[in-house]
């Protein structure tokens, strides 16, 4: 849980900083820090659902894709 909490803090901080640096507005930075992670959470939920369907429909492709990163490291 600590890892998740620290990642959330970093995510909010990055979103705020980017918004603030681009606009000079703390309000815009604050809104981005709240809205952008919330949107990503919803998108991630649907991405996970779609990915599970892909895994179930294509077990061979998924196994190759999962192992493919090993060749990059």
PDB file of N, CA and C in Angstrom:
ATOM      1  N   UNK A   1       0.821  -1.198   0.000  1.00  0.00           N
ATOM      2  CA  UNK A   1       0.000   0.000   0.000  1.00  0.00           C
ATOM      3  C   UNK A   1       0.864   1.261   0.000  1.00  0.00           C
ATOM      4  N   UNK A   2       2.006   1.192   0.652  1.00  0.00           N
ATOM      5  CA  UNK A   2       2.900   2.354   0.696  1.00  0.00           C
ATOM      6  C   UNK A   2       3.372   2.723  -0.701  1.00  0.00           C
ATOM      7  N   UNK A   3       3.707   1.708  -1.503  1.00  0.00           N
ATOM      8  CA  UNK A   3       4.155   1.963  -2.870  1.00  0.00           C
ATOM      9  C   UNK A   3       3.051   2.668  -3.667  1.00  0.00           C
ATOM     10  N   UNK A   4       1.818   2.214  -3.517  1.00  0.00           N
ATOM     11  CA  UNK A   4       0.691   2.825  -4.214  1.00  0.00           C
ATOM     12  C   UNK A   4       0.498   4.270  -3.776  1.00  0.00           C
ATOM     13  N   UNK A   5       0.582   4.518  -2.486  1.00  0.00           N
ATOM     14  CA  UNK A   5       0.405   5.874  -1.957  1.00  0.00           C
ATOM     15  C   UNK A   5       1.505   6.811  -2.453  1.00  0.00           C
ATOM     16  N   UNK A   6       2.747   6.335  -2.447  1.00  0.00           N
ATOM     17  CA  UNK A   6       3.826   7.209  -2.911  1.00  0.00           C
ATOM     18  C   UNK A   6       3.716   7.464  -4.405  1.00  0.00           C
ATOM     19  N   UNK A   7       3.273   6.446  -5.170  1.00  0.00           N
ATOM     20  CA  UNK A   7       3.073   6.664  -6.599  1.00  0.00           C
ATOM     21  C   UNK A   7       1.966   7.684  -6.836  1.00  0.00           C
ATOM     22  N   UNK A   8       0.884   7.598  -6.075  1.00  0.00           N
ATOM     23  CA  UNK A   8      -0.219   8.555  -6.220  1.00  0.00           C
ATOM     24  C   UNK A   8       0.270   9.977  -5.934  1.00  0.00           C
ATOM     25  N   UNK A   9       1.077  10.132  -4.901  1.00  0.00           N
ATOM     26  CA  UNK A   9       1.613  11.464  -4.572  1.00  0.00           C
ATOM     27  C   UNK A   9       2.479  11.977  -5.723  1.00  0.00           C
ATOM     28  N   UNK A  10       3.324  11.110  -6.262  1.00  0.00           N
ATOM     29  CA  UNK A  10       4.152  11.516  -7.397  1.00  0.00           C
ATOM     30  C   UNK A  10       3.296  11.885  -8.601  1.00  0.00           C
ATOM     31  N   UNK A  11       2.266  11.095  -8.860  1.00  0.00           N
ATOM     32  CA  UNK A  11       1.390  11.346  -9.999  1.00  0.00           C
ATOM     33  C   UNK A  11       0.703  12.715  -9.863  1.00  0.00           C
ATOM     34  N   UNK A  12       0.141  12.991  -8.690  1.00  0.00           N
ATOM     35  CA  UNK A  12      -0.503  14.281  -8.454  1.00  0.00           C
ATOM     36  C   UNK A  12       0.500  15.422  -8.577  1.00  0.00           C
ATOM     37  N   UNK A  13       1.704  15.215  -8.050  1.00  0.00           N
ATOM     38  CA  UNK A  13       2.728  16.257  -8.095  1.00  0.00           C
ATOM     39  C   UNK A  13       3.146  16.567  -9.525  1.00  0.00           C
ATOM     40  N   UNK A  14       3.347  15.536 -10.327  1.00  0.00           N
ATOM     41  CA  UNK A  14       3.724  15.740 -11.721  1.00  0.00           C
ATOM     42  C   UNK A  14       2.604  16.447 -12.482  1.00  0.00           C
ATOM     43  N   UNK A  15       1.373  15.999 -12.290  1.00  0.00           N
ATOM     44  CA  UNK A  15       0.237  16.627 -12.983  1.00  0.00           C
ATOM     45  C   UNK A  15       0.123  18.095 -12.595  1.00  0.00           C
ATOM     46  N   UNK A  16       0.248  18.403 -11.313  1.00  0.00           N
ATOM     47  CA  UNK A  16       0.178  19.790 -10.863  1.00  0.00           C
ATOM     48  C   UNK A  16       1.319  20.606 -11.460  1.00  0.00           C
ATOM     49  N   UNK A  17       2.519  20.082 -11.387  1.00  0.00           N
ATOM     50  CA  UNK A  17       3.689  20.822 -11.859  1.00  0.00           C
ATOM     51  C   UNK A  17       3.611  21.118 -13.347  1.00  0.00           C
ATOM     52  N   UNK A  18       3.235  20.129 -14.134  1.00  0.00           N
ATOM     53  CA  UNK A  18       3.118  20.339 -15.579  1.00  0.00           C
ATOM     54  C   UNK A  18       2.047  21.390 -15.871  1.00  0.00           C
ATOM     55  N   UNK A  19       0.892  21.265 -15.244  1.00  0.00           N
ATOM     56  CA  UNK A  19      -0.179  22.248 -15.456  1.00  0.00           C
ATOM     57  C   UNK A  19       0.244  23.644 -15.045  1.00  0.00           C
ATOM     58  N   UNK A  20       0.914  23.746 -13.915  1.00  0.00           N
ATOM     59  CA  UNK A  20       1.361  25.049 -13.425  1.00  0.00           C
ATOM     60  C   UNK A  20       2.427  25.646 -14.344  1.00  0.00           C
ATOM     61  N   UNK A  21       3.397  24.840 -14.748  1.00  0.00           N
ATOM     62  CA  UNK A  21       4.465  25.353 -15.613  1.00  0.00           C
ATOM     63  C   UNK A  21       3.948  25.774 -16.983  1.00  0.00           C
ATOM     64  N   UNK A  22       2.972  25.065 -17.495  1.00  0.00           N
ATOM     65  CA  UNK A  22       2.429  25.411 -18.818  1.00  0.00           C
ATOM     66  C   UNK A  22       1.529  26.640 -18.792  1.00  0.00           C
ATOM     67  N   UNK A  23       0.866  26.856 -17.659  1.00  0.00           N
ATOM     68  CA  UNK A  23      -0.118  27.942 -17.627  1.00  0.00           C
ATOM     69  C   UNK A  23       0.218  29.049 -16.640  1.00  0.00           C
ATOM     70  N   UNK A  24       1.055  28.774 -15.654  1.00  0.00           N
ATOM     71  CA  UNK A  24       1.342  29.759 -14.612  1.00  0.00           C
ATOM     72  C   UNK A  24       0.210  29.883 -13.606  1.00  0.00           C
ATOM     73  N   UNK A  25      -0.760  28.995 -13.684  1.00  0.00           N
ATOM     74  CA  UNK A  25      -1.927  29.062 -12.814  1.00  0.00           C
ATOM     75  C   UNK A  25      -1.936  27.893 -11.837  1.00  0.00           C
ATOM     76  N   UNK A  26      -1.952  28.217 -10.536  1.00  0.00           N
ATOM     77  CA  UNK A  26      -2.045  27.171  -9.522  1.00  0.00           C
ATOM     78  C   UNK A  26      -3.409  26.482  -9.596  1.00  0.00           C
ATOM     79  N   UNK A  27      -4.441  27.227  -9.991  1.00  0.00           N
ATOM     80  CA  UNK A  27      -5.768  26.616 -10.107  1.00  0.00           C
ATOM     81  C   UNK A  27      -5.779  25.564 -11.216  1.00  0.00           C
ATOM     82  N   UNK A  28      -5.216  25.889 -12.363  1.00  0.00           N
ATOM     83  CA  UNK A  28      -5.162  24.923 -13.460  1.00  0.00           C
ATOM     84  C   UNK A  28      -4.309  23.722 -13.048  1.00  0.00           C
ATOM     85  N   UNK A  29      -3.192  23.984 -12.408  1.00  0.00           N
ATOM     86  CA  UNK A  29      -2.348  22.896 -11.929  1.00  0.00           C
ATOM     87  C   UNK A  29      -3.096  21.998 -10.962  1.00  0.00           C
ATOM     88  N   UNK A  30      -3.842  22.597 -10.050  1.00  0.00           N
ATOM     89  CA  UNK A  30      -4.621  21.831  -9.084  1.00  0.00           C
ATOM     90  C   UNK A  30      -5.721  21.017  -9.747  1.00  0.00           C
ATOM     91  N   UNK A  31      -6.397  21.634 -10.710  1.00  0.00           N
ATOM     92  CA  UNK A  31      -7.450  20.896 -11.421  1.00  0.00           C
ATOM     93  C   UNK A  31      -6.862  19.716 -12.188  1.00  0.00           C
ATOM     94  N   UNK A  32      -5.737  19.947 -12.856  1.00  0.00           N
ATOM     95  CA  UNK A  32      -5.094  18.846 -13.570  1.00  0.00           C
ATOM     96  C   UNK A  32      -4.637  17.744 -12.625  1.00  0.00           C
ATOM     97  N   UNK A  33      -4.164  18.133 -11.450  1.00  0.00           N
ATOM     98  CA  UNK A  33      -3.690  17.150 -10.478  1.00  0.00           C
ATOM     99  C   UNK A  33      -4.818  16.252  -9.987  1.00  0.00           C
ATOM    100  N   UNK A  34      -6.046  16.739 -10.044  1.00  0.00           N
ATOM    101  CA  UNK A  34      -7.193  15.940  -9.617  1.00  0.00           C
ATOM    102  C   UNK A  34      -7.843  15.226 -10.804  1.00  0.00           C
ATOM    103  N   UNK A  35      -8.057  15.943 -11.890  1.00  0.00           N
ATOM    104  CA  UNK A  35      -8.812  15.403 -13.025  1.00  0.00           C
ATOM    105  C   UNK A  35      -8.024  14.366 -13.815  1.00  0.00           C
ATOM    106  N   UNK A  36      -6.768  14.651 -14.108  1.00  0.00           N
ATOM    107  CA  UNK A  36      -5.978  13.739 -14.937  1.00  0.00           C
ATOM    108  C   UNK A  36      -5.819  12.363 -14.293  1.00  0.00           C
ATOM    109  N   UNK A  37      -5.438  12.252 -13.018  1.00  0.00           N
ATOM    110  CA  UNK A  37      -5.355  10.916 -12.414  1.00  0.00           C
ATOM    111  C   UNK A  37      -6.717  10.216 -12.333  1.00  0.00           C
ATOM    112  N   UNK A  38      -7.775  10.966 -12.106  1.00  0.00           N
ATOM    113  CA  UNK A  38      -9.109  10.358 -12.061  1.00  0.00           C
ATOM    114  C   UNK A  38      -9.460   9.770 -13.427  1.00  0.00           C
ATOM    115  N   UNK A  39      -9.180  10.505 -14.488  1.00  0.00           N
ATOM    116  CA  UNK A  39      -9.444  10.008 -15.840  1.00  0.00           C
ATOM    117  C   UNK A  39      -8.597   8.779 -16.139  1.00  0.00           C
ATOM    118  N   UNK A  40      -7.333   8.826 -15.750  1.00  0.00           N
ATOM    119  CA  UNK A  40      -6.457   7.673 -15.976  1.00  0.00           C
ATOM    120  C   UNK A  40      -6.938   6.443 -15.224  1.00  0.00           C
ATOM    121  N   UNK A  41      -7.498   6.619 -14.056  1.00  0.00           N
ATOM    122  CA  UNK A  41      -8.014   5.493 -13.283  1.00  0.00           C
ATOM    123  C   UNK A  41      -9.151   4.819 -14.028  1.00  0.00           C
ATOM    124  N   UNK A  42     -10.053   5.597 -14.594  1.00  0.00           N
ATOM    125  CA  UNK A  42     -11.174   5.044 -15.357  1.00  0.00           C
ATOM    126  C   UNK A  42     -10.661   4.350 -16.619  1.00  0.00           C
ATOM    127  N   UNK A  43      -9.743   4.997 -17.326  1.00  0.00           N
ATOM    128  CA  UNK A  43      -9.188   4.407 -18.543  1.00  0.00           C
ATOM    129  C   UNK A  43      -8.468   3.100 -18.217  1.00  0.00           C
ATOM    130  N   UNK A  44      -7.723   3.083 -17.117  1.00  0.00           N
ATOM    131  CA  UNK A  44      -6.994   1.883 -16.721  1.00  0.00           C
ATOM    132  C   UNK A  44      -7.950   0.723 -16.451  1.00  0.00           C
ATOM    133  N   UNK A  45      -9.079   1.002 -15.823  1.00  0.00           N
ATOM    134  CA  UNK A  45     -10.077  -0.024 -15.541  1.00  0.00           C
ATOM    135  C   UNK A  45     -10.530  -0.701 -16.839  1.00  0.00           C
ATOM    136  N   UNK A  46     -10.873   0.114 -17.838  1.00  0.00           N
ATOM    137  CA  UNK A  46     -11.341  -0.441 -19.104  1.00  0.00           C
ATOM    138  C   UNK A  46     -10.205  -1.107 -19.876  1.00  0.00           C
ATOM    139  N   UNK A  47      -9.005  -0.581 -19.755  1.00  0.00           N
ATOM    140  CA  UNK A  47      -7.840  -1.208 -20.384  1.00  0.00           C
ATOM    141  C   UNK A  47      -7.635  -2.613 -19.813  1.00  0.00           C
ATOM    142  N   UNK A  48      -7.739  -2.756 -18.507  1.00  0.00           N
ATOM    143  CA  UNK A  48      -7.575  -4.060 -17.869  1.00  0.00           C
ATOM    144  C   UNK A  48      -8.644  -5.042 -18.334  1.00  0.00           C
ATOM    145  N   UNK A  49      -9.884  -4.574 -18.456  1.00  0.00           N
ATOM    146  CA  UNK A  49     -10.959  -5.452 -18.929  1.00  0.00           C
ATOM    147  C   UNK A  49     -10.676  -5.920 -20.355  1.00  0.00           C
ATOM    148  N   UNK A  50     -10.265  -4.986 -21.212  1.00  0.00           N
ATOM    149  CA  UNK A  50      -9.960  -5.327 -22.602  1.00  0.00           C
ATOM    150  C   UNK A  50      -8.759  -6.255 -22.669  1.00  0.00           C
ATOM    151  N   UNK A  51      -7.759  -6.014 -21.848  1.00  0.00           N
ATOM    152  CA  UNK A  51      -6.562  -6.845 -21.860  1.00  0.00           C
ATOM    153  C   UNK A  51      -6.887  -8.273 -21.426  1.00  0.00           C
ATOM    154  N   UNK A  52      -7.749  -8.431 -20.434  1.00  0.00           N
ATOM    155  CA  UNK A  52      -8.146  -9.775 -19.996  1.00  0.00           C
ATOM    156  C   UNK A  52      -8.863 -10.518 -21.118  1.00  0.00           C
ATOM    157  N   UNK A  53      -9.717  -9.805 -21.861  1.00  0.00           N
ATOM    158  CA  UNK A  53     -10.391 -10.438 -22.998  1.00  0.00           C
ATOM    159  C   UNK A  53      -9.375 -10.856 -24.053  1.00  0.00           C
ATOM    160  N   UNK A  54      -8.383  -9.990 -24.308  1.00  0.00           N
ATOM    161  CA  UNK A  54      -7.329 -10.315 -25.263  1.00  0.00           C
ATOM    162  C   UNK A  54      -6.561 -11.554 -24.810  1.00  0.00           C
ATOM    163  N   UNK A  55      -6.220 -11.617 -23.529  1.00  0.00           N
ATOM    164  CA  UNK A  55      -5.486 -12.770 -22.994  1.00  0.00           C
ATOM    165  C   UNK A  55      -6.280 -14.059 -23.164  1.00  0.00           C
ATOM    166  N   UNK A  56      -7.566 -13.986 -22.895  1.00  0.00           N
ATOM    167  CA  UNK A  56      -8.407 -15.179 -22.990  1.00  0.00           C
ATOM    168  C   UNK A  56      -8.589 -15.621 -24.446  1.00  0.00           C
ATOM    169  N   UNK A  57      -8.690 -14.657 -25.349  1.00  0.00           N
ATOM    170  CA  UNK A  57      -8.919 -14.972 -26.752  1.00  0.00           C
ATOM    171  C   UNK A  57      -7.631 -15.378 -27.468  1.00  0.00           C
ATOM    172  N   UNK A  58      -6.487 -14.929 -26.965  1.00  0.00           N
ATOM    173  CA  UNK A  58      -5.208 -15.158 -27.641  1.00  0.00           C
ATOM    174  C   UNK A  58      -4.137 -15.633 -26.657  1.00  0.00           C
ATOM    175  N   UNK A  59      -4.302 -16.796 -26.057  1.00  0.00           N
ATOM    176  CA  UNK A  59      -3.328 -17.220 -25.046  1.00  0.00           C
ATOM    177  C   UNK A  59      -1.902 -17.341 -25.593  1.00  0.00           C
ATOM    178  N   UNK A  60      -1.751 -17.781 -26.858  1.00  0.00           N
ATOM    179  CA  UNK A  60      -0.405 -17.908 -27.430  1.00  0.00           C
ATOM    180  C   UNK A  60       0.247 -16.546 -27.622  1.00  0.00           C
ATOM    181  N   UNK A  61      -0.493 -15.597 -28.186  1.00  0.00           N
ATOM    182  CA  UNK A  61       0.051 -14.256 -28.411  1.00  0.00           C
ATOM    183  C   UNK A  61       0.390 -13.594 -27.085  1.00  0.00           C
ATOM    184  N   UNK A  62      -0.459 -13.797 -26.092  1.00  0.00           N
ATOM    185  CA  UNK A  62      -0.207 -13.190 -24.790  1.00  0.00           C
ATOM    186  C   UNK A  62       1.072 -13.746 -24.174  1.00  0.00           C
ATOM    187  N   UNK A  63       1.267 -15.044 -24.272  1.00  0.00           N
ATOM    188  CA  UNK A  63       2.473 -15.655 -23.699  1.00  0.00           C
ATOM    189  C   UNK A  63       3.712 -15.103 -24.381  1.00  0.00           C
ATOM    190  N   UNK A  64       3.674 -14.969 -25.706  1.00  0.00           N
ATOM    191  CA  UNK A  64       4.819 -14.409 -26.431  1.00  0.00           C
ATOM    192  C   UNK A  64       5.027 -12.943 -26.070  1.00  0.00           C
ATOM    193  N   UNK A  65       3.941 -12.176 -25.949  1.00  0.00           N
ATOM    194  CA  UNK A  65       4.054 -10.755 -25.602  1.00  0.00           C
ATOM    195  C   UNK A  65       4.603 -10.593 -24.197  1.00  0.00           C
ATOM    196  N   UNK A  66       4.192 -11.449 -23.289  1.00  0.00           N
ATOM    197  CA  UNK A  66       4.661 -11.369 -21.907  1.00  0.00           C
ATOM    198  C   UNK A  66       6.140 -11.684 -21.805  1.00  0.00           C
ATOM    199  N   UNK A  67       6.606 -12.597 -22.624  1.00  0.00           N
ATOM    200  CA  UNK A  67       8.013 -12.976 -22.578  1.00  0.00           C
ATOM    201  C   UNK A  67       8.889 -12.090 -23.464  1.00  0.00           C
ATOM    202  N   UNK A  68       8.268 -11.361 -24.371  1.00  0.00           N
ATOM    203  CA  UNK A  68       9.012 -10.511 -25.293  1.00  0.00           C
ATOM    204  C   UNK A  68       9.886  -9.479 -24.623  1.00  0.00           C
ATOM    205  N   UNK A  69       9.445  -8.954 -23.494  1.00  0.00           N
ATOM    206  CA  UNK A  69      10.235  -7.916 -22.798  1.00  0.00           C
ATOM    207  C   UNK A  69      11.547  -8.479 -22.279  1.00  0.00           C
ATOM    208  N   UNK A  70      11.613  -9.790 -22.053  1.00  0.00           N
ATOM    209  CA  UNK A  70      12.841 -10.400 -21.553  1.00  0.00           C
ATOM    210  C   UNK A  70      13.993 -10.224 -22.542  1.00  0.00           C
ATOM    211  N   UNK A  71      13.682 -10.194 -23.807  1.00  0.00           N
ATOM    212  CA  UNK A  71      14.715 -10.056 -24.830  1.00  0.00           C
ATOM    213  C   UNK A  71      15.243  -8.635 -24.918  1.00  0.00           C
ATOM    214  N   UNK A  72      14.520  -7.697 -24.355  1.00  0.00           N
ATOM    215  CA  UNK A  72      14.945  -6.297 -24.403  1.00  0.00           C
ATOM    216  C   UNK A  72      15.911  -5.944 -23.283  1.00  0.00           C
ATOM    217  N   UNK A  73      15.974  -6.758 -22.251  1.00  0.00           N
ATOM    218  CA  UNK A  73      16.772  -6.416 -21.067  1.00  0.00           C
ATOM    219  C   UNK A  73      18.047  -7.200 -20.997  1.00  0.00           C
TER     220      UNK A  73
END
